[in-house]
Amino acid sequence: MASLLGDVLQDAGYDPEVFTDAELALRTMTDEPPALVITDLKMQGLDGMTLLERMKTLHPSVPVILITAFGSIDVAVEATRKGAFHFITKPFRMKEVLLVVERALQHQRVEAENVRLRREVERRYRFGEIIGKSHLMQQVFGLIERVAATNSSILILGESGTGKELVAKAIHYNSARRDQPFVAVNCSALPEGLLESELFGHVRGAFTGAHANKNGLFVEAPRGTRFLDEIGDMGPALQAKLLRALQEKTVRPVGGNKEIPVQTRIVAATNRDLRREVREGRFREDLFYRLSVIPVRLPALRERPEDIPLLVRHFLHRVSHELSCPEKQVSSDAMRQLMRYPWEGNVRELENVIERAHILTQGDTIESDDLLEELRPAAARPAEPASPTPEPDDLPSLEELERRYIVQVLRHTKGNKEDAARILGIDRRTLYRWRTRHDLDRAIDAER
């Protein structure tokens, strides 16, 4: 039967290879997958069901057709569940086999084309974790590809939440430094003295608490990439020291008297208008030009609403994977609402809204009513009862509002500092400083 089937396939224009030993066939197909496998179910040694399972492990995309004289619904269901393309029961007509073979190969071609198209879409619309099909984001992707191969300093400009650190990582991991460390430092999260020690290191006895020498981040991995986030918040004294490090390619630890050579690459980022900061004397002009050899501007999310559906699908997939639950969909009305919203917090705000909606929505589809109230159309919001205008003395201070919001987020995350920092859009170390400043632990206990 195997020889006869081989002759029929050859006459039909195929190039079959016939085996009567399943183990030998499997060894032959291990390194070089065939376009299609046709196997009997009942065989001496390795049976057809086991051959099917091993083929699907080795080459998942290769279609497998099972033939047997012992046809039953249960066997057919099991074979299909394990990945068989089709199940043929003896006796059969050769025309039937040829029709199934043609369908299987056509199905394989369609699947291969779908994979190719998906990869092409990902290549065009993604750059690492950065997602976007808009013209603005395609320009950013092209710029990243060009600047990654250089050693020039890069300044990433964009509002908070636009993904500046993702761009910095994309530049690093597409550069010749990809095997070296990528180290991110938030210049607004640390006091200036501590930031200087973090960047350049210190020697023993340089200040109170300096009990041992410490290598700064420039020295620990000198050929890596240093990402200086929120560079616009750096103080004048530290700006001068950073400028000298960039010019001389050496650093001097706090309290030290020796220069240490470094070959690090600087990628800086800020949400401030540094040109205005320079004009107003808050940022050194010479350092600005040193850092902004190649500026990369990230558009705000409201400038590229056509990217929102891509981002929403990405966040839904990620949340469902993290929570090990089915991925939810977004209704067309809800998607339109998401695309109309101005997104002052940019991609980070969108991510938080989608995560919240995915967790709290009870059905399989996120509707407009499942979104945060401020995202809904005005007509869909519940009417608020009129309230008298509060007296100025009754209004809480900005610091009190900040404290209340942080407490609310910490309660929502059940005290998980990492999740709370991500929702707040701040560095974890900043959250620790805020926790001390606002005495948040006592505030949380008081509200329980």
Protein backbone atom coordinates (compact mmCIF):
# COMPACT_ATOMS: atom_id res chain seq x y z
CA MET A 1 0.00 0.00 0.00
CA ALA A 2 2.85 2.39 0.82
CA SER A 3 4.54 1.68 -2.54
CA LEU A 4 1.27 2.09 -4.44
CA LEU A 5 0.51 5.38 -2.70
CA GLY A 6 4.06 6.57 -3.47
CA ASP A 7 3.60 5.80 -7.18
CA VAL A 8 0.25 7.63 -7.29
CA LEU A 9 1.74 10.71 -5.61
CA GLN A 10 4.71 10.68 -7.98
CA ASP A 11 2.41 10.47 -11.00
CA ALA A 12 0.53 13.48 -9.57
CA GLY A 13 3.76 15.55 -9.63
CA TYR A 14 4.92 15.15 -6.03
CA ASP A 15 8.28 13.85 -4.80
CA PRO A 16 7.39 11.18 -2.22
CA GLU A 17 9.82 9.22 -0.06
CA VAL A 18 8.41 5.87 1.09
CA PHE A 19 9.27 4.16 4.40
CA THR A 20 8.01 0.96 5.99
CA ASP A 21 9.91 1.61 9.22
CA ALA A 22 8.45 4.50 11.28
CA GLU A 23 11.59 4.90 13.43
CA LEU A 24 13.77 5.27 10.33
CA ALA A 25 11.29 7.73 8.82
CA LEU A 26 11.33 9.82 11.99
CA ARG A 27 15.14 9.92 12.10
CA THR A 28 15.24 11.00 8.46
CA MET A 29 12.72 13.79 9.08
CA THR A 30 14.36 15.10 12.27
CA ASP A 31 16.76 17.52 10.61
CA GLU A 32 15.02 18.08 7.28
CA PRO A 33 11.25 18.40 7.62
CA PRO A 34 9.05 17.21 4.73
CA ALA A 35 6.18 19.22 3.31
CA LEU A 36 3.68 16.56 4.40
CA VAL A 37 3.50 13.20 6.23
CA ILE A 38 1.05 10.38 5.43
CA THR A 39 1.17 7.52 7.92
CA ASP A 40 -0.74 4.38 8.79
CA LEU A 41 -2.09 4.20 12.32
CA LYS A 42 -1.40 0.55 13.16
CA MET A 43 2.27 -0.33 12.53
CA GLN A 44 4.86 -2.57 14.10
CA GLY A 45 7.09 -0.71 16.54
CA LEU A 46 6.27 3.00 16.48
CA ASP A 47 2.53 3.46 15.78
CA GLY A 48 1.03 6.30 13.78
CA MET A 49 -0.35 8.20 16.79
CA THR A 50 3.10 8.32 18.43
CA LEU A 51 4.66 9.34 15.12
CA LEU A 52 2.10 12.17 14.92
CA GLU A 53 2.97 13.38 18.44
CA ARG A 54 6.73 13.35 17.76
CA MET A 55 6.33 15.12 14.43
CA LYS A 56 4.27 17.85 16.06
CA THR A 57 7.02 18.28 18.63
CA LEU A 58 9.78 18.39 16.00
CA HIS A 59 8.00 20.30 13.24
CA PRO A 60 4.65 21.73 14.41
CA SER A 61 3.78 23.26 11.03
CA VAL A 62 4.09 20.00 9.01
CA PRO A 63 0.61 18.57 8.29
CA VAL A 64 0.12 14.88 9.14
CA ILE A 65 -2.54 12.66 7.53
CA LEU A 66 -3.47 9.41 9.33
CA ILE A 67 -4.78 6.31 7.49
CA THR A 68 -6.30 3.32 9.24
CA ALA A 69 -8.68 0.43 8.80
CA PHE A 70 -9.70 0.73 12.44
CA GLY A 71 -11.71 3.91 12.05
CA SER A 72 -13.77 5.17 14.94
CA ILE A 73 -14.99 8.52 16.20
CA ASP A 74 -12.83 8.28 19.32
CA VAL A 75 -9.63 7.65 17.34
CA ALA A 76 -10.45 10.46 14.90
CA VAL A 77 -11.10 12.90 17.75
CA GLU A 78 -7.85 11.93 19.50
CA ALA A 79 -5.86 12.27 16.27
CA THR A 80 -7.36 15.68 15.56
CA ARG A 81 -6.73 16.82 19.14
CA LYS A 82 -3.07 15.85 18.77
CA GLY A 83 -2.72 17.90 15.62
CA ALA A 84 -3.57 15.59 12.68
CA PHE A 85 -4.67 17.51 9.59
CA HIS A 86 -7.03 14.76 8.39
CA PHE A 87 -8.10 11.19 9.16
CA ILE A 88 -8.75 8.72 6.29
CA THR A 89 -10.39 5.33 6.84
CA LYS A 90 -9.62 2.27 4.69
CA PRO A 91 -10.75 1.35 2.14
CA PHE A 92 -10.25 4.66 0.37
CA ARG A 93 -10.02 5.97 -3.18
CA MET A 94 -6.77 7.41 -4.46
CA LYS A 95 -8.63 10.52 -5.64
CA GLU A 96 -9.69 11.10 -2.03
CA VAL A 97 -6.08 10.91 -0.83
CA LEU A 98 -4.87 13.27 -3.56
CA LEU A 99 -7.62 15.76 -2.68
CA VAL A 100 -6.67 15.69 1.02
CA VAL A 101 -2.95 16.07 0.15
CA GLU A 102 -3.72 19.09 -2.03
CA ARG A 103 -5.82 20.68 0.72
CA ALA A 104 -3.13 20.00 3.36
CA LEU A 105 -0.37 21.58 1.28
CA GLN A 106 -2.56 24.55 0.44
CA HIS A 107 -3.35 24.97 4.15
CA GLN A 108 0.36 24.84 4.94
CA ARG A 109 1.11 27.53 2.34
CA VAL A 110 -1.59 29.77 3.80
CA GLU A 111 -0.25 29.25 7.33
CA ALA A 112 3.31 29.99 6.21
CA GLU A 113 2.12 33.17 4.48
CA ASN A 114 0.23 34.22 7.61
CA VAL A 115 3.36 33.73 9.71
CA ARG A 116 5.38 35.75 7.20
CA LEU A 117 2.81 38.55 7.20
CA ARG A 118 2.63 38.61 11.01
CA ARG A 119 6.41 38.88 11.21
CA GLU A 120 6.38 41.61 8.58
CA VAL A 121 3.72 43.52 10.53
CA GLU A 122 5.71 43.11 13.75
CA ARG A 123 8.86 44.27 12.00
CA ARG A 124 7.12 47.33 10.58
CA TYR A 125 4.98 48.22 13.58
CA ARG A 126 7.27 47.20 16.48
CA PHE A 127 10.76 47.96 17.62
CA GLY A 128 11.29 45.83 20.71
CA GLU A 129 8.49 46.88 23.06
CA ILE A 130 7.80 50.10 21.13
CA ILE A 131 4.64 49.76 19.07
CA GLY A 132 3.24 51.99 16.35
CA LYS A 133 2.15 51.99 12.71
CA SER A 134 1.67 55.74 12.45
CA HIS A 135 3.91 57.82 10.22
CA LEU A 136 5.39 59.54 13.27
CA MET A 137 6.40 56.25 14.90
CA GLN A 138 7.77 54.85 11.64
CA GLN A 139 10.05 57.89 11.53
CA VAL A 140 11.18 57.12 15.10
CA PHE A 141 11.88 53.47 14.19
CA GLY A 142 13.97 54.54 11.21
CA LEU A 143 15.93 57.00 13.33
CA ILE A 144 16.61 54.34 15.99
CA GLU A 145 17.99 51.98 13.36
CA ARG A 146 20.32 54.67 12.05
CA VAL A 147 21.62 55.98 15.38
CA ALA A 148 22.04 52.58 17.07
CA ALA A 149 25.16 51.86 15.02
CA THR A 150 26.88 55.07 16.16
CA ASN A 151 28.59 55.98 19.44
CA SER A 152 27.15 59.49 19.47
CA SER A 153 25.33 60.87 22.49
CA ILE A 154 21.55 60.83 22.05
CA LEU A 155 18.90 63.00 23.69
CA ILE A 156 15.38 61.55 23.78
CA LEU A 157 12.67 64.19 24.12
CA GLY A 158 9.08 63.49 24.99
CA GLU A 159 6.31 63.89 27.53
CA SER A 160 6.10 61.60 30.55
CA GLY A 161 4.75 58.18 29.63
CA THR A 162 5.76 58.24 25.96
CA GLY A 163 8.30 55.41 26.35
CA LYS A 164 11.65 57.19 26.48
CA GLU A 165 13.36 54.35 28.35
CA LEU A 166 12.04 51.81 25.82
CA VAL A 167 13.64 53.84 23.04
CA ALA A 168 16.92 53.99 24.98
CA LYS A 169 16.87 50.19 25.38
CA ALA A 170 16.06 49.72 21.69
CA ILE A 171 19.08 51.86 20.78
CA HIS A 172 21.33 49.88 23.13
CA TYR A 173 20.19 46.39 22.11
CA ASN A 174 20.50 47.21 18.41
CA SER A 175 24.03 48.56 18.84
CA ALA A 176 27.48 46.96 19.04
CA ARG A 177 27.23 47.42 22.83
CA ARG A 178 24.30 45.01 23.14
CA ASP A 179 26.40 42.47 25.08
CA GLN A 180 27.43 45.12 27.61
CA PRO A 181 25.20 46.37 30.47
CA PHE A 182 22.39 48.87 29.99
CA VAL A 183 22.18 50.96 33.16
CA ALA A 184 19.33 53.42 33.77
CA VAL A 185 19.55 56.23 36.34
CA ASN A 186 16.64 58.53 37.17
CA CYS A 187 18.22 61.92 37.85
CA SER A 188 15.08 63.19 39.60
CA ALA A 189 14.83 60.26 42.01
CA LEU A 190 18.05 60.85 43.96
CA PRO A 191 19.46 63.84 45.89
CA GLU A 192 22.37 65.44 44.03
CA GLY A 193 25.07 64.17 46.40
CA LEU A 194 23.80 60.61 46.20
CA LEU A 195 23.37 60.84 42.42
CA GLU A 196 26.98 61.98 42.02
CA SER A 197 28.19 58.99 44.04
CA GLU A 198 25.90 56.69 42.06
CA LEU A 199 27.28 57.92 38.74
CA PHE A 200 30.96 58.46 39.49
CA GLY A 201 31.57 56.44 42.67
CA HIS A 202 33.33 57.53 45.84
CA VAL A 203 36.40 56.69 47.90
CA ARG A 204 36.38 55.57 51.50
CA GLY A 205 35.90 58.47 53.90
CA ALA A 206 34.69 60.91 51.22
CA PHE A 207 31.61 61.65 53.32
CA THR A 208 29.75 60.34 56.34
CA GLY A 209 28.74 56.76 55.66
CA ALA A 210 31.37 56.15 52.95
CA HIS A 211 32.89 53.15 54.72
CA ALA A 212 34.41 51.62 51.58
CA ASN A 213 35.37 52.52 48.03
CA LYS A 214 32.53 52.31 45.55
CA ASN A 215 32.72 52.17 41.77
CA GLY A 216 30.21 54.42 40.04
CA LEU A 217 27.97 53.26 37.23
CA PHE A 218 30.35 54.74 34.65
CA VAL A 219 33.17 52.53 35.93
CA GLU A 220 31.37 49.25 36.65
CA ALA A 221 30.61 48.63 32.98
CA PRO A 222 32.61 51.22 31.03
CA ARG A 223 31.65 49.97 27.56
CA GLY A 224 27.93 49.79 28.18
CA THR A 225 25.15 52.35 27.74
CA ARG A 226 24.21 54.82 30.46
CA PHE A 227 20.62 56.03 30.29
CA LEU A 228 20.24 59.27 32.24
CA ASP A 229 16.50 59.76 32.61
CA GLU A 230 15.08 63.19 33.48
CA ILE A 231 18.45 64.82 32.78
CA GLY A 232 16.76 68.22 32.97
CA ASP A 233 16.40 67.79 36.75
CA MET A 234 20.17 67.52 37.29
CA GLY A 235 21.69 70.31 39.39
CA PRO A 236 24.30 72.79 38.04
CA ALA A 237 27.30 71.33 39.91
CA LEU A 238 26.62 67.83 38.69
CA GLN A 239 26.00 69.12 35.16
CA ALA A 240 29.56 70.51 35.18
CA LYS A 241 31.02 67.20 36.31
CA LEU A 242 29.03 65.25 33.72
CA LEU A 243 30.19 67.63 30.98
CA ARG A 244 33.81 67.07 31.98
CA ALA A 245 33.31 63.28 31.94
CA LEU A 246 31.89 63.48 28.42
CA GLN A 247 34.65 65.75 27.15
CA GLU A 248 37.60 63.97 28.78
CA LYS A 249 36.13 60.44 28.75
CA THR A 250 37.29 60.08 32.35
CA VAL A 251 35.56 60.22 35.73
CA ARG A 252 36.81 61.12 39.19
CA PRO A 253 35.12 59.47 42.20
CA VAL A 254 33.80 61.69 44.98
CA GLY A 255 36.73 62.40 47.30
CA GLY A 256 39.23 60.85 44.87
CA ASN A 257 42.21 62.39 43.10
CA LYS A 258 42.66 59.95 40.23
CA GLU A 259 40.94 60.03 36.85
CA ILE A 260 39.46 56.74 35.61
CA PRO A 261 39.10 56.31 31.81
CA VAL A 262 35.65 55.22 30.52
CA GLN A 263 34.22 54.52 27.07
CA THR A 264 30.58 54.62 28.01
CA ARG A 265 27.81 55.85 25.74
CA ILE A 266 25.32 58.36 27.07
CA VAL A 267 21.65 58.27 26.15
CA ALA A 268 19.77 60.99 28.03
CA ALA A 269 16.07 61.78 28.21
CA THR A 270 13.87 64.55 29.50
CA ASN A 271 10.28 65.73 29.43
CA ARG A 272 11.42 69.35 29.76
CA ASP A 273 12.08 71.89 27.04
CA LEU A 274 15.86 71.95 27.46
CA ARG A 275 16.32 74.84 25.03
CA ARG A 276 14.13 76.97 27.25
CA GLU A 277 15.98 75.68 30.31
CA VAL A 278 19.23 76.81 28.65
CA ARG A 279 17.81 80.27 27.83
CA GLU A 280 16.62 80.69 31.40
CA GLY A 281 20.00 79.63 32.84
CA ARG A 282 18.90 76.38 34.49
CA PHE A 283 20.79 74.05 32.14
CA ARG A 284 24.29 74.40 30.75
CA GLU A 285 24.35 75.23 27.05
CA ASP A 286 27.61 73.33 26.43
CA LEU A 287 26.22 70.20 28.12
CA PHE A 288 23.01 70.48 26.10
CA TYR A 289 24.94 70.39 22.84
CA ARG A 290 27.11 67.53 24.12
CA LEU A 291 24.05 65.44 24.93
CA SER A 292 21.92 66.31 21.92
CA VAL A 293 24.28 65.28 19.15
CA ILE A 294 21.32 63.27 17.84
CA PRO A 295 17.92 64.31 19.23
CA VAL A 296 15.04 61.81 19.09
CA ARG A 297 11.58 63.27 19.68
CA LEU A 298 8.82 60.91 20.78
CA PRO A 299 5.31 62.00 19.80
CA ALA A 300 2.57 62.16 22.41
CA LEU A 301 -0.12 59.49 22.15
CA ARG A 302 -2.75 62.09 21.20
CA GLU A 303 -0.62 62.86 18.11
CA ARG A 304 -0.89 59.26 16.88
CA PRO A 305 -4.40 57.92 17.72
CA GLU A 306 -4.14 55.33 14.93
CA ASP A 307 -1.64 53.45 17.13
CA ILE A 308 -4.10 53.04 20.01
CA PRO A 309 -5.78 49.80 18.71
CA LEU A 310 -2.33 48.18 18.32
CA LEU A 311 -1.32 49.24 21.81
CA VAL A 312 -4.63 48.09 23.32
CA ARG A 313 -4.28 44.60 21.79
CA HIS A 314 -0.68 44.42 23.02
CA PHE A 315 -1.65 45.37 26.59
CA LEU A 316 -4.65 43.00 26.62
CA HIS A 317 -2.43 40.13 25.49
CA ARG A 318 0.20 40.92 28.10
CA VAL A 319 -2.31 41.21 30.97
CA SER A 320 -4.01 37.93 30.02
CA HIS A 321 -0.62 36.21 29.87
CA GLU A 322 0.47 37.60 33.25
CA LEU A 323 -2.83 36.63 34.89
CA SER A 324 -3.10 33.28 33.02
CA CYS A 325 -6.65 34.07 31.94
CA PRO A 326 -8.45 34.35 28.57
CA GLU A 327 -7.70 37.49 26.61
CA LYS A 328 -10.58 39.95 26.53
CA GLN A 329 -11.75 42.00 23.59
CA VAL A 330 -12.68 45.68 23.34
CA SER A 331 -15.99 46.69 21.79
CA SER A 332 -16.01 49.08 18.86
CA ASP A 333 -17.70 51.78 20.98
CA ALA A 334 -15.09 51.44 23.72
CA MET A 335 -12.27 51.54 21.16
CA ARG A 336 -13.67 54.73 19.64
CA GLN A 337 -13.79 56.24 23.11
CA LEU A 338 -10.18 55.25 23.75
CA MET A 339 -9.12 56.85 20.46
CA ARG A 340 -10.93 60.12 21.26
CA TYR A 341 -9.45 60.53 24.73
CA PRO A 342 -6.51 63.03 24.93
CA TRP A 343 -4.23 60.76 27.08
CA GLU A 344 -2.32 63.34 29.05
CA GLY A 345 -0.37 60.46 30.64
CA ASN A 346 0.36 58.98 27.20
CA VAL A 347 1.08 55.26 26.70
CA ARG A 348 1.62 54.64 30.41
CA GLU A 349 -1.86 55.97 31.20
CA LEU A 350 -3.41 53.85 28.43
CA GLU A 351 -1.64 50.76 29.79
CA ASN A 352 -3.01 51.37 33.28
CA VAL A 353 -6.55 51.92 31.98
CA ILE A 354 -6.47 48.69 29.94
CA GLU A 355 -5.04 46.67 32.83
CA ARG A 356 -7.72 47.98 35.17
CA ALA A 357 -10.52 47.33 32.65
CA HIS A 358 -9.25 43.79 31.93
CA ILE A 359 -9.19 42.94 35.64
CA LEU A 360 -12.53 44.51 36.60
CA THR A 361 -14.63 43.66 33.52
CA GLN A 362 -16.73 40.58 34.27
CA GLY A 363 -17.61 39.64 30.70
CA ASP A 364 -15.40 38.69 27.75
CA THR A 365 -15.65 42.13 26.14
CA ILE A 366 -14.66 45.50 27.57
CA GLU A 367 -17.49 47.97 26.92
CA SER A 368 -17.57 51.75 27.27
CA ASP A 369 -19.12 51.43 30.74
CA ASP A 370 -16.12 49.37 31.87
CA LEU A 371 -13.69 52.22 31.20
CA LEU A 372 -12.75 54.81 33.75
CA GLU A 373 -15.46 57.43 34.22
CA GLU A 374 -13.36 60.28 32.80
CA LEU A 375 -12.98 58.33 29.52
CA ARG A 376 -16.72 57.96 28.95
CA PRO A 377 -18.71 60.48 26.88
CA ALA A 378 -20.26 63.21 29.01
CA ALA A 379 -23.80 61.96 28.25
CA ALA A 380 -22.94 58.48 29.54
CA ARG A 381 -21.63 59.69 32.89
CA PRO A 382 -24.00 59.62 35.87
CA ALA A 383 -25.31 63.04 36.76
CA GLU A 384 -23.55 64.48 39.76
CA PRO A 385 -25.67 66.21 42.37
CA ALA A 386 -25.10 69.90 42.60
CA SER A 387 -22.85 70.78 45.48
CA PRO A 388 -22.08 74.16 46.99
CA THR A 389 -18.77 75.71 46.06
CA PRO A 390 -16.35 74.89 48.87
CA GLU A 391 -14.74 77.65 50.83
CA PRO A 392 -11.02 78.17 50.11
CA ASP A 393 -10.13 76.94 53.60
CA ASP A 394 -11.97 73.65 52.91
CA LEU A 395 -9.95 72.83 49.81
CA PRO A 396 -7.13 70.32 50.40
CA SER A 397 -3.56 71.31 49.58
CA LEU A 398 -1.74 69.81 46.62
CA GLU A 399 0.45 67.84 49.02
CA GLU A 400 -2.65 66.42 50.76
CA LEU A 401 -4.18 65.39 47.41
CA GLU A 402 -0.90 63.74 46.48
CA ARG A 403 -0.84 61.87 49.80
CA ARG A 404 -4.45 60.67 49.42
CA TYR A 405 -3.84 59.43 45.89
CA ILE A 406 -0.68 57.53 46.83
CA VAL A 407 -2.53 55.89 49.75
CA GLN A 408 -5.34 54.89 47.38
CA VAL A 409 -2.92 53.33 44.91
CA LEU A 410 -1.04 51.45 47.67
CA ARG A 411 -4.32 50.08 49.00
CA HIS A 412 -5.32 49.02 45.48
CA THR A 413 -2.03 47.14 45.03
CA LYS A 414 -2.26 45.68 48.57
CA GLY A 415 0.97 47.42 49.49
CA ASN A 416 2.99 46.14 46.52
CA LYS A 417 5.50 48.96 46.05
CA GLU A 418 6.62 47.88 42.58
CA ASP A 419 3.04 47.78 41.20
CA ALA A 420 2.21 51.06 42.94
CA ALA A 421 5.28 52.80 41.47
CA ARG A 422 4.33 51.56 37.99
CA ILE A 423 0.75 52.88 38.31
CA LEU A 424 1.99 56.21 39.66
CA GLY A 425 4.53 56.43 36.85
CA ILE A 426 7.47 56.99 39.17
CA ASP A 427 10.66 55.23 40.14
CA ARG A 428 10.38 52.78 43.04
CA ARG A 429 13.01 54.71 45.00
CA THR A 430 10.93 57.87 44.59
CA LEU A 431 7.96 56.02 46.11
CA TYR A 432 10.06 55.09 49.14
CA ARG A 433 10.99 58.76 49.61
CA TRP A 434 7.35 59.80 49.30
CA ARG A 435 6.32 57.09 51.75
CA THR A 436 8.63 58.58 54.39
CA ARG A 437 7.71 62.19 53.59
CA HIS A 438 3.96 61.57 53.83
CA ASP A 439 4.15 58.92 56.60
CA LEU A 440 2.11 56.67 54.29
CA ASP A 441 2.30 53.54 56.43
CA ARG A 442 0.45 55.30 59.27
CA ALA A 443 -2.05 56.82 56.81
CA ILE A 444 -2.85 53.39 55.33
CA ASP A 445 -3.32 51.85 58.80
CA ALA A 446 -5.61 54.73 59.77
CA GLU A 447 -7.89 54.17 56.76
CA ARG A 448 -8.33 50.43 57.34
